[in-house]
């Protein structure tokens, strides 16, 4: 455990410098909170140095078990230390609510317990959105570089078994080089999104904040009414584009950059499936809403469907309409899409499209074998066959994923929450998608939940962000007997 503590100390020291952005923001916008972030910087840095210096002699390369503990502890610890500005600026806010807000930010869930965001100190909104942005990059590095080394994660399947640009280039030789390359891409897309939102009519501050949350698929907004407060087709269009880009595999962008060609994206079977699902679902649901009279014209239905469906399907969580009042089919279809749509190696959550494709092809093979038992019909993605052990791994993940949804939903219902609120809250949290329906719908937030319900949601956010297996393995006796 001491080597893990040593690395955690280093991470805290690094995390202390992230307060520099809200310090600058506070000075520029004059909200007088620079001392709050300065104090948080001091506490975080001091805690990191104490952990690091007291375990410096025990630093060594972590093994698999230490890696799992580190991943879980780092997310939980940084969410805890990030509560300092909230607890200082809002003395009435409980630690439970503050921890929910920071965990939601870092896991890019986008659920909130805060109200009055329109009038909140600008630097507080900037800090919330920075947590989204930092969590988004952390997720990419986790998915592409860390979890595959531990034997779990969607990229383990993608990189090991699917041909094409990722397997061929393998990004870079070292994790540090991989992280630098991904940061460059992430930063570039964030800058492009910020400029595009400014040109679409947002202020520089709102553009930066929403670029942070759009590229991370975090879904935080500077307004209580989310993106609906701007009521702008141009802003919604820009966000649709960048949410879709964020839902694709960032490692594929690296391959496209190296090859100076977009062919890498077209050759990516997962990317083609993501875009196809979004396009078909958008037009289908828009037609359904128009037919049922939810909106008076198809163009209006298409506008609102496109933004809200892409937002939920990519696990971002922005809202421009209260889709809780839509016909239940449309709302639940968006929640279903949040489970399966985004790519591995993206900033989104859920099952990931690569697993969805694998499971769908395995199901089709089983149906074929009923008719032709002797037929040799391997599961293929992108022209390559998937070994049986990969399919078994996917089946195991899917089982644990859905059993986690069932278990957490029953916990919320046992605590008194109605079925629709409980079920959609858990779906939104495990997929890191943000709003649910009814009591936790897009027109409200999670502030009405009890402390127990809040902590269930916090655990579910972390469970989904760490791809279920990385967290649940800590609860197995065999893990601790090694």
Protein backbone atom coordinates (compact mmCIF):
# COMPACT_ATOMS: atom_id res chain seq x y z
CA UNK A 1 0.00 0.00 0.00
CA UNK A 2 2.87 2.42 0.69
CA UNK A 3 3.93 2.63 -2.99
CA UNK A 4 0.31 3.48 -3.81
CA UNK A 5 0.30 6.22 -1.16
CA UNK A 6 3.53 7.59 -2.62
CA UNK A 7 1.98 7.92 -6.08
CA UNK A 8 -1.17 9.45 -4.58
CA UNK A 9 1.03 12.09 -2.94
CA UNK A 10 2.56 12.92 -6.32
CA UNK A 11 -0.89 13.17 -7.88
CA UNK A 12 -2.05 15.57 -5.16
CA UNK A 13 0.99 17.77 -5.74
CA UNK A 14 0.15 17.87 -9.43
CA UNK A 15 -3.54 18.48 -8.72
CA UNK A 16 -2.73 21.51 -6.55
CA UNK A 17 -1.61 23.41 -9.66
CA UNK A 18 -5.04 23.02 -11.27
CA UNK A 19 -6.32 25.78 -8.99
CA UNK A 20 -4.27 28.24 -11.05
CA UNK A 21 -7.05 28.52 -13.65
CA UNK A 22 -9.79 29.65 -11.20
CA UNK A 23 -7.24 31.96 -9.49
CA UNK A 24 -6.61 33.70 -12.80
CA UNK A 25 -10.33 33.65 -13.57
CA UNK A 26 -11.14 35.22 -10.21
CA UNK A 27 -8.57 37.98 -10.72
CA UNK A 28 -9.73 38.74 -14.27
CA UNK A 29 -13.45 38.74 -13.44
CA UNK A 30 -13.04 40.36 -10.03
CA UNK A 31 -15.20 38.05 -7.91
CA UNK A 32 -12.75 38.26 -4.99
CA UNK A 33 -12.26 34.52 -4.51
CA UNK A 34 -8.58 34.24 -5.44
CA UNK A 35 -7.66 33.69 -1.78
CA UNK A 36 -10.08 30.76 -1.61
CA UNK A 37 -8.25 28.97 -4.41
CA UNK A 38 -4.90 30.02 -3.00
CA UNK A 39 -5.84 28.36 0.30
CA UNK A 40 -7.04 25.25 -1.50
CA UNK A 41 -3.74 25.14 -3.40
CA UNK A 42 -1.77 25.29 -0.15
CA UNK A 43 -3.82 22.54 1.55
CA UNK A 44 -3.66 20.24 -1.47
CA UNK A 45 0.06 20.74 -2.03
CA UNK A 46 0.83 20.26 1.68
CA UNK A 47 -1.19 17.04 1.82
CA UNK A 48 0.56 15.75 -1.29
CA UNK A 49 4.03 16.57 0.02
CA UNK A 50 3.30 14.87 3.35
CA UNK A 51 2.12 11.69 1.61
CA UNK A 52 5.04 11.74 -0.81
CA UNK A 53 7.82 12.51 1.67
CA UNK A 54 6.62 9.99 4.26
CA UNK A 55 6.64 7.15 1.71
CA UNK A 56 9.51 8.21 -0.55
CA UNK A 57 11.63 5.21 0.41
CA UNK A 58 8.85 2.85 -0.64
CA UNK A 59 8.47 4.07 -4.22
CA UNK A 60 8.61 1.26 -6.77
CA UNK A 61 6.86 0.05 -9.90
CA UNK A 62 3.27 -0.84 -9.10
CA UNK A 63 1.95 -4.30 -9.80
CA UNK A 64 -1.55 -5.10 -11.03
CA UNK A 65 -3.21 -5.03 -7.61
CA UNK A 66 -1.58 -1.73 -6.71
CA UNK A 67 -2.71 -0.34 -10.04
CA UNK A 68 -6.37 -1.09 -9.30
CA UNK A 69 -6.14 0.44 -5.84
CA UNK A 70 -4.41 3.52 -7.24
CA UNK A 71 -7.00 4.14 -9.96
CA UNK A 72 -9.91 3.98 -7.51
CA UNK A 73 -8.15 5.89 -4.73
CA UNK A 74 -6.97 8.66 -7.06
CA UNK A 75 -10.47 9.39 -8.35
CA UNK A 76 -11.99 9.29 -4.85
CA UNK A 77 -9.21 11.38 -3.29
CA UNK A 78 -9.15 14.13 -5.91
CA UNK A 79 -12.92 14.48 -5.76
CA UNK A 80 -12.60 14.91 -2.00
CA UNK A 81 -9.87 17.56 -2.11
CA UNK A 82 -11.68 19.42 -4.91
CA UNK A 83 -14.57 20.16 -2.53
CA UNK A 84 -12.53 22.84 -0.71
CA UNK A 85 -13.66 25.82 -2.85
CA UNK A 86 -17.33 24.80 -2.63
CA UNK A 87 -17.24 24.31 1.14
CA UNK A 88 -15.52 27.68 1.59
CA UNK A 89 -17.69 29.75 -0.76
CA UNK A 90 -20.96 28.03 0.25
CA UNK A 91 -20.82 27.45 4.04
CA UNK A 92 -24.34 26.00 3.96
CA UNK A 93 -23.32 23.26 1.52
CA UNK A 94 -22.79 19.86 3.13
CA UNK A 95 -19.73 17.75 2.37
CA UNK A 96 -22.07 15.18 0.82
CA UNK A 97 -23.40 17.70 -1.70
CA UNK A 98 -19.94 19.15 -2.38
CA UNK A 99 -18.48 15.68 -2.95
CA UNK A 100 -21.36 14.82 -5.29
CA UNK A 101 -20.63 17.96 -7.31
CA UNK A 102 -16.90 17.29 -7.61
CA UNK A 103 -17.31 13.58 -8.33
CA UNK A 104 -19.88 14.46 -10.97
CA UNK A 105 -17.40 16.90 -12.45
CA UNK A 106 -14.35 14.62 -12.47
CA UNK A 107 -16.28 11.61 -13.76
CA UNK A 108 -17.84 13.91 -16.41
CA UNK A 109 -21.33 12.95 -15.28
CA UNK A 110 -22.68 16.49 -15.27
CA UNK A 111 -25.35 15.89 -12.63
CA UNK A 112 -25.58 18.75 -10.15
CA UNK A 113 -27.08 19.66 -6.79
CA UNK A 114 -26.41 23.38 -7.28
CA UNK A 115 -28.96 26.04 -8.20
CA UNK A 116 -28.51 29.72 -9.00
CA UNK A 117 -25.68 28.99 -11.42
CA UNK A 118 -26.54 32.09 -13.46
CA UNK A 119 -25.59 34.28 -10.50
CA UNK A 120 -22.78 32.14 -9.07
CA UNK A 121 -19.28 33.62 -8.81
CA UNK A 122 -17.68 33.19 -12.25
CA UNK A 123 -14.63 31.42 -10.85
CA UNK A 124 -16.84 28.79 -9.19
CA UNK A 125 -18.42 27.99 -12.53
CA UNK A 126 -14.95 27.95 -14.07
CA UNK A 127 -13.76 25.47 -11.40
CA UNK A 128 -16.76 23.19 -12.04
CA UNK A 129 -16.05 23.16 -15.75
CA UNK A 130 -12.34 22.68 -15.28
CA UNK A 131 -13.12 19.55 -13.24
CA UNK A 132 -15.10 18.31 -16.24
CA UNK A 133 -12.21 19.05 -18.56
CA UNK A 134 -9.54 17.46 -16.36
CA UNK A 135 -11.72 14.41 -15.80
CA UNK A 136 -12.27 14.03 -19.53
CA UNK A 137 -8.56 13.90 -20.29
CA UNK A 138 -7.99 11.64 -17.32
CA UNK A 139 -10.58 9.27 -18.70
CA UNK A 140 -8.92 9.13 -22.12
CA UNK A 141 -5.50 8.38 -20.65
CA UNK A 142 -7.09 5.87 -18.28
CA UNK A 143 -8.88 4.09 -21.13
CA UNK A 144 -6.03 4.15 -23.65
CA UNK A 145 -2.96 3.75 -21.47
CA UNK A 146 -3.76 2.49 -17.97
CA UNK A 147 -6.71 0.08 -17.92
CA UNK A 148 -5.33 -2.05 -20.80
CA UNK A 149 -2.22 -2.66 -18.68
CA UNK A 150 -4.49 -3.92 -15.88
CA UNK A 151 -6.39 -6.16 -18.29
CA UNK A 152 -9.71 -4.29 -18.34
CA UNK A 153 -11.38 -1.58 -20.37
CA UNK A 154 -12.83 -1.13 -23.82
CA UNK A 155 -9.45 -0.23 -25.32
CA UNK A 156 -8.08 -3.59 -24.17
CA UNK A 157 -10.51 -5.18 -26.58
CA UNK A 158 -10.09 -2.55 -29.27
CA UNK A 159 -6.30 -2.43 -29.37
CA UNK A 160 -5.72 -6.14 -28.93
CA UNK A 161 -8.22 -7.55 -31.36
CA UNK A 162 -9.24 -5.01 -34.01
CA UNK A 163 -7.00 -4.26 -37.00
CA UNK A 164 -6.50 -0.80 -38.39
CA UNK A 165 -4.84 2.40 -37.32
CA UNK A 166 -4.79 1.84 -33.56
CA UNK A 167 -3.29 -1.61 -33.66
CA UNK A 168 -0.87 -0.66 -36.39
CA UNK A 169 0.50 2.50 -34.82
CA UNK A 170 0.03 1.55 -31.15
CA UNK A 171 0.16 5.28 -30.47
CA UNK A 172 3.58 5.73 -28.85
CA UNK A 173 5.96 3.45 -27.04
CA UNK A 174 5.53 4.90 -23.55
CA UNK A 175 2.48 5.93 -21.53
CA UNK A 176 3.95 9.39 -20.94
CA UNK A 177 4.36 9.94 -24.68
CA UNK A 178 0.84 8.65 -25.30
CA UNK A 179 -0.56 11.03 -22.69
CA UNK A 180 1.26 14.00 -24.27
CA UNK A 181 -0.07 13.15 -27.73
CA UNK A 182 -3.63 12.80 -26.46
CA UNK A 183 -3.37 16.04 -24.47
CA UNK A 184 -2.31 17.89 -27.62
CA UNK A 185 -5.34 16.61 -29.54
CA UNK A 186 -7.68 17.30 -26.61
CA UNK A 187 -6.35 20.82 -26.14
CA UNK A 188 -6.61 21.57 -29.85
CA UNK A 189 -10.24 20.44 -30.06
CA UNK A 190 -11.07 22.45 -26.91
CA UNK A 191 -9.57 25.58 -28.42
CA UNK A 192 -11.49 25.02 -31.66
CA UNK A 193 -14.74 24.53 -29.73
CA UNK A 194 -14.16 27.70 -27.68
CA UNK A 195 -13.61 29.81 -30.79
CA UNK A 196 -16.61 28.27 -32.56
CA UNK A 197 -18.92 28.95 -29.61
CA UNK A 198 -17.69 32.54 -29.41
CA UNK A 199 -18.44 33.03 -33.09
CA UNK A 200 -21.86 31.43 -32.54
CA UNK A 201 -22.76 34.12 -30.01
CA UNK A 202 -21.50 33.07 -26.56
CA UNK A 203 -19.33 35.30 -24.41
CA UNK A 204 -15.69 34.23 -24.11
CA UNK A 205 -16.35 33.01 -20.56
CA UNK A 206 -19.38 30.91 -21.47
CA UNK A 207 -17.62 29.64 -24.59
CA UNK A 208 -14.61 28.45 -22.60
CA UNK A 209 -16.73 26.80 -19.91
CA UNK A 210 -18.96 25.00 -22.41
CA UNK A 211 -15.96 23.94 -24.50
CA UNK A 212 -14.51 22.37 -21.34
CA UNK A 213 -17.71 20.43 -20.68
CA UNK A 214 -18.48 19.59 -24.33
CA UNK A 215 -15.10 18.02 -25.12
CA UNK A 216 -15.12 16.11 -21.83
CA UNK A 217 -18.78 15.14 -22.40
CA UNK A 218 -19.26 16.44 -18.87
CA UNK A 219 -22.42 18.45 -19.43
CA UNK A 220 -21.95 21.15 -16.77
CA UNK A 221 -23.33 24.54 -17.77
CA UNK A 222 -23.07 28.07 -16.44
CA UNK A 223 -26.88 28.35 -16.48
CA UNK A 224 -29.59 26.57 -14.50
CA UNK A 225 -31.50 26.04 -17.76
CA UNK A 226 -28.38 24.54 -19.37
CA UNK A 227 -27.92 25.25 -23.08
CA UNK A 228 -31.64 26.01 -23.38
CA UNK A 229 -30.90 29.37 -21.72
CA UNK A 230 -29.11 30.56 -24.88
CA UNK A 231 -31.92 29.52 -27.26
CA UNK A 232 -29.54 29.57 -30.22
CA UNK A 233 -29.56 27.20 -33.20
CA UNK A 234 -25.95 28.13 -33.99
CA UNK A 235 -24.72 27.31 -30.47
CA UNK A 236 -26.61 24.02 -30.47
CA UNK A 237 -25.16 23.09 -33.86
CA UNK A 238 -21.60 23.78 -32.72
CA UNK A 239 -22.09 21.70 -29.59
CA UNK A 240 -23.61 18.82 -31.58
CA UNK A 241 -20.49 18.68 -33.75
CA UNK A 242 -18.04 18.74 -30.84
CA UNK A 243 -20.05 16.33 -28.68
CA UNK A 244 -19.96 13.87 -31.58
CA UNK A 245 -16.23 14.38 -32.03
CA UNK A 246 -15.68 13.79 -28.30
CA UNK A 247 -17.69 10.57 -28.51
CA UNK A 248 -15.21 9.05 -30.98
CA UNK A 249 -11.93 7.32 -30.15
CA UNK A 250 -9.21 9.90 -29.49
CA UNK A 251 -6.56 7.37 -30.41
CA UNK A 252 -8.06 7.32 -33.91
CA UNK A 253 -7.53 11.09 -34.10
CA UNK A 254 -3.88 10.48 -33.28
CA UNK A 255 -3.63 7.97 -36.13
CA UNK A 256 -5.37 10.39 -38.49
CA UNK A 257 -2.98 13.16 -37.44
CA UNK A 258 0.07 10.98 -37.99
CA UNK A 259 -1.19 9.84 -41.39
CA UNK A 260 -2.29 13.36 -42.38
CA UNK A 261 -5.57 11.82 -43.53
CA UNK A 262 -9.13 11.35 -42.28
CA UNK A 263 -9.18 7.82 -43.70
CA UNK A 264 -8.36 6.48 -40.25
CA UNK A 265 -11.75 7.69 -39.03
CA UNK A 266 -13.58 6.14 -41.97
CA UNK A 267 -11.78 2.80 -41.51
CA UNK A 268 -12.80 2.74 -37.84
CA UNK A 269 -15.85 0.44 -37.69
CA UNK A 270 -16.69 1.77 -34.24
CA UNK A 271 -16.77 5.41 -35.43
CA UNK A 272 -19.00 4.54 -38.39
CA UNK A 273 -21.41 2.76 -36.06
CA UNK A 274 -21.54 5.70 -33.63
CA UNK A 275 -22.34 8.25 -36.34
CA UNK A 276 -24.90 5.93 -37.97
CA UNK A 277 -26.75 5.35 -34.70
CA UNK A 278 -26.86 9.09 -33.95
CA UNK A 279 -28.13 10.06 -37.41
CA UNK A 280 -30.78 7.34 -37.70
CA UNK A 281 -32.03 7.87 -34.14
CA UNK A 282 -32.20 11.65 -34.55
CA UNK A 283 -34.38 11.51 -37.65
CA UNK A 284 -36.49 8.66 -36.26
CA UNK A 285 -37.23 10.33 -32.92
CA UNK A 286 -37.80 13.72 -34.59
CA UNK A 287 -40.38 12.13 -36.88
CA UNK A 288 -42.03 10.46 -33.90
CA UNK A 289 -42.23 13.73 -31.91
CA UNK A 290 -43.69 15.54 -34.90
CA UNK A 291 -46.20 12.76 -35.52
CA UNK A 292 -47.36 12.76 -31.89
CA UNK A 293 -47.80 16.54 -31.90
CA UNK A 294 -45.04 17.29 -29.40
CA UNK A 295 -43.74 19.92 -31.82
CA UNK A 296 -45.78 21.67 -34.52
CA UNK A 297 -43.33 21.14 -37.39
CA UNK A 298 -40.68 18.63 -38.40
CA UNK A 299 -37.83 21.22 -38.53
CA UNK A 300 -38.61 22.27 -34.95
CA UNK A 301 -38.78 18.65 -33.82
CA UNK A 302 -35.51 17.92 -35.65
CA UNK A 303 -33.73 20.85 -33.99
CA UNK A 304 -34.67 19.88 -30.45
CA UNK A 305 -34.27 16.15 -31.03
CA UNK A 306 -30.85 16.51 -32.62
CA UNK A 307 -29.40 18.47 -29.73
CA UNK A 308 -30.93 16.60 -26.80
CA UNK A 309 -30.58 13.13 -28.31
CA UNK A 310 -26.93 13.64 -29.28
CA UNK A 311 -26.28 15.12 -25.84
CA UNK A 312 -27.76 12.13 -24.01
CA UNK A 313 -26.51 9.46 -26.42
CA UNK A 314 -22.94 10.75 -26.10
CA UNK A 315 -23.34 10.91 -22.30
CA UNK A 316 -22.78 14.68 -22.23
CA UNK A 317 -26.00 15.67 -20.48
CA UNK A 318 -26.76 19.12 -21.83
CA UNK A 319 -30.44 19.95 -22.26
CA UNK A 320 -32.21 22.57 -24.35
CA UNK A 321 -35.71 21.24 -23.63
CA UNK A 322 -37.38 19.41 -20.74
CA UNK A 323 -37.39 16.05 -22.51
CA UNK A 324 -38.97 14.57 -19.41
CA UNK A 325 -42.25 15.86 -20.87
CA UNK A 326 -41.70 14.12 -24.18
CA UNK A 327 -43.53 10.84 -24.88
CA UNK A 328 -41.87 8.19 -22.72
CA UNK A 329 -40.63 6.23 -25.74
CA UNK A 330 -38.47 9.14 -26.91
CA UNK A 331 -37.02 9.81 -23.45
CA UNK A 332 -36.21 6.19 -22.69
CA UNK A 333 -34.74 5.64 -26.15
CA UNK A 334 -32.22 8.40 -25.41
CA UNK A 335 -31.33 6.71 -22.12
CA UNK A 336 -30.87 3.42 -23.96
CA UNK A 337 -28.54 5.13 -26.42
CA UNK A 338 -26.51 6.52 -23.51
CA UNK A 339 -25.69 2.93 -22.60
CA UNK A 340 -24.29 1.79 -25.92
CA UNK A 341 -23.32 4.64 -28.26
CA UNK A 342 -19.89 6.16 -27.52
CA UNK A 343 -16.56 4.74 -28.64
CA UNK A 344 -13.88 3.23 -26.47
CA UNK A 345 -11.07 5.71 -25.91
CA UNK A 346 -13.54 8.61 -25.86
CA UNK A 347 -14.59 10.80 -22.94
CA UNK A 348 -18.03 9.12 -22.79
CA UNK A 349 -19.28 6.31 -20.56
CA UNK A 350 -21.51 3.27 -20.82
CA UNK A 351 -20.87 -0.07 -22.43
CA UNK A 352 -19.01 1.44 -25.43
CA UNK A 353 -19.83 0.76 -29.06
CA UNK A 354 -17.05 -1.81 -29.50
CA UNK A 355 -18.69 -4.06 -26.91
CA UNK A 356 -22.11 -3.39 -28.41
CA UNK A 357 -20.89 -4.51 -31.84
CA UNK A 358 -19.17 -7.57 -30.40
CA UNK A 359 -22.26 -8.67 -28.50
CA UNK A 360 -24.59 -8.03 -31.45
CA UNK A 361 -22.42 -10.09 -33.78
CA UNK A 362 -22.18 -12.88 -31.21
CA UNK A 363 -25.98 -12.91 -30.90
CA UNK A 364 -26.33 -13.12 -34.68
CA UNK A 365 -23.84 -16.01 -34.76
CA UNK A 366 -25.81 -17.94 -32.15
CA UNK A 367 -29.00 -17.53 -34.21
CA UNK A 368 -27.18 -18.75 -37.32
CA UNK A 369 -25.79 -21.77 -35.49
CA UNK A 370 -29.30 -22.85 -34.54
CA UNK A 371 -30.07 -23.24 -38.25
CA UNK A 372 -26.60 -24.41 -39.38
CA UNK A 373 -24.90 -26.10 -36.38
CA UNK A 374 -21.80 -27.12 -38.37
CA UNK A 375 -21.16 -23.68 -39.89
CA UNK A 376 -17.89 -21.95 -39.00
CA UNK A 377 -18.89 -18.34 -38.45
CA UNK A 378 -16.38 -16.35 -36.37
CA UNK A 379 -17.29 -12.98 -34.89
CA UNK A 380 -15.57 -10.27 -36.91
CA UNK A 381 -15.17 -6.53 -36.42
CA UNK A 382 -13.40 -4.53 -39.07
CA UNK A 383 -12.50 -7.73 -40.89
CA UNK A 384 -10.71 -9.41 -37.96
CA UNK A 385 -11.97 -12.38 -35.94
CA UNK A 386 -12.45 -12.00 -32.20
CA UNK A 387 -11.20 -14.91 -30.04
CA UNK A 388 -13.68 -16.67 -27.77
CA UNK A 389 -11.99 -15.32 -24.63
CA UNK A 390 -12.72 -11.75 -25.76
CA UNK A 391 -16.39 -12.56 -26.30
CA UNK A 392 -16.57 -14.19 -22.87
CA UNK A 393 -14.96 -11.11 -21.33
CA UNK A 394 -17.55 -8.87 -23.00
CA UNK A 395 -20.38 -11.08 -21.75
CA UNK A 396 -19.00 -10.91 -18.21
CA UNK A 397 -18.74 -7.13 -18.36
CA UNK A 398 -22.29 -6.76 -19.71
CA UNK A 399 -23.66 -8.98 -16.95
CA UNK A 400 -21.95 -6.99 -14.19
CA UNK A 401 -22.96 -3.70 -15.83
CA UNK A 402 -26.66 -4.53 -15.93
CA UNK A 403 -26.67 -6.20 -12.52
CA UNK A 404 -25.10 -3.04 -11.12
CA UNK A 405 -27.94 -1.01 -12.63
CA UNK A 406 -30.51 -3.36 -11.11
CA UNK A 407 -28.85 -3.40 -7.69
CA UNK A 408 -28.33 0.37 -7.44
CA UNK A 409 -31.87 1.07 -8.72
CA UNK A 410 -33.36 -1.16 -6.04
CA UNK A 411 -31.27 0.61 -3.40
CA UNK A 412 -32.71 3.96 -4.45
CA UNK A 413 -36.25 2.55 -4.54
CA UNK A 414 -35.71 0.97 -1.11
CA UNK A 415 -34.81 4.44 0.18
CA UNK A 416 -38.14 5.84 -1.04
CA UNK A 417 -37.44 7.12 -4.55
CA UNK A 418 -40.02 6.35 -7.24
CA UNK A 419 -39.14 3.80 -9.91
CA UNK A 420 -38.67 6.14 -12.89
CA UNK A 421 -36.53 8.60 -10.91
CA UNK A 422 -34.44 5.80 -9.40
CA UNK A 423 -33.94 3.85 -12.61
CA UNK A 424 -33.04 6.83 -14.79
CA UNK A 425 -30.82 8.35 -12.09
CA UNK A 426 -28.77 5.15 -11.99
CA UNK A 427 -28.68 4.90 -15.78
CA UNK A 428 -27.51 8.52 -15.97
CA UNK A 429 -24.89 8.04 -13.24
CA UNK A 430 -23.41 4.75 -14.42
CA UNK A 431 -23.20 6.09 -17.98
CA UNK A 432 -21.96 9.48 -16.67
CA UNK A 433 -24.77 11.14 -18.62
CA UNK A 434 -26.18 13.66 -16.12
CA UNK A 435 -29.94 14.21 -15.89
CA UNK A 436 -32.55 11.52 -15.40
CA UNK A 437 -36.33 11.80 -15.40
CA UNK A 438 -39.01 12.87 -12.90
CA UNK A 439 -37.37 14.04 -9.68
CA UNK A 440 -33.91 14.17 -11.29
CA UNK A 441 -35.05 15.37 -14.72
CA UNK A 442 -33.51 18.08 -16.93
CA UNK A 443 -35.82 20.74 -15.45
CA UNK A 444 -34.68 19.91 -11.90
CA UNK A 445 -31.48 18.39 -10.44
CA UNK A 446 -30.29 15.96 -7.76
CA UNK A 447 -30.64 18.41 -4.84
CA UNK A 448 -33.88 16.79 -3.68
CA UNK A 449 -32.25 13.43 -2.94
CA UNK A 450 -31.40 12.31 0.59
CA UNK A 451 -27.79 11.91 1.72
CA UNK A 452 -28.04 8.13 1.31
CA UNK A 453 -29.39 8.49 -2.21
CA UNK A 454 -26.65 10.99 -3.06
CA UNK A 455 -23.92 8.54 -1.95
CA UNK A 456 -25.51 5.73 -3.96
CA UNK A 457 -25.32 7.98 -7.01
CA UNK A 458 -21.71 8.95 -6.20
CA UNK A 459 -20.70 5.28 -6.02
CA UNK A 460 -22.53 4.60 -9.28
CA UNK A 461 -20.74 7.47 -11.05
CA UNK A 462 -17.38 6.06 -10.02
CA UNK A 463 -18.48 2.53 -10.90
CA UNK A 464 -19.39 3.60 -14.42
CA UNK A 465 -16.35 5.79 -14.95
CA UNK A 466 -13.94 2.99 -13.98
CA UNK A 467 -15.69 0.54 -16.32
CA UNK A 468 -17.31 -1.45 -13.49
CA UNK A 469 -14.61 -4.13 -13.27
CA UNK A 470 -11.87 -1.87 -11.92
CA UNK A 471 -14.01 -0.96 -8.91
CA UNK A 472 -15.87 -4.23 -8.27
CA UNK A 473 -12.64 -6.23 -8.26
CA UNK A 474 -11.77 -4.52 -4.96
CA UNK A 475 -14.78 -6.25 -3.37
CA UNK A 476 -13.64 -9.78 -4.24
CA UNK A 477 -11.86 -11.83 -1.53
CA UNK A 478 -9.33 -13.19 -4.03
CA UNK A 479 -8.08 -9.69 -4.76
CA UNK A 480 -6.91 -9.21 -1.17
CA UNK A 481 -5.51 -12.75 -0.78
CA UNK A 482 -2.86 -12.23 -3.46
